[in-house]
Amino acid sequence: MSDFTPVSSLLGGMAIGLSAVLLLAAEGRIAGVSGIVSRLLPPWPAAARACRIAFVAGLLAAPLVWWLATGAPPAQTVSGDLAVMALAGLAVGIGTVVGSGCTSGHGVCGLALLSPRSLVATPVFMAVAVATVFLVRHLA
């Protein structure tokens, strides 16, 4: 069970929203992490590659910055089981391809832009997340 952390959750949400607005203003692109990561791989064009690398580097550096600022590593609540992590990553990858985007693209940017696809995709992935948590916590 995770602790209720409204202040840090609010600050994190504001940082995510700010980064999405900055990327949209600077590049004219939606801040979907799966799309940004997938466009780092060939055969995608090299245009704006530095921006994508910087975005992903920021995602990877954030826990280290937290650790340096607080003196303690961020709490992690993900599984340590590599098979479960690989299966979860595969499911997320398939879901982002089928849904034409990920939680950040649909949930943060798509809903804000009132995208019809995001208005459908976000409740679908939220329902699947709720069902997955229920199955893992009560049936596994």
Foldseek 3Di string as FASTA:
>chain_A
DDDDDVVVVVVVLVVLLVVQVVCCVPPVDGPFLVVLVVCCDPPHDCPCNVVSVVVVVCVVCVQVVVCVVPVHGDDDDDDPDVVVVVVVVVVQNVLCVVLVGHCRRLVRPVVVVVPPSSVVSNVVVVVVVVVVVCCVVPPD
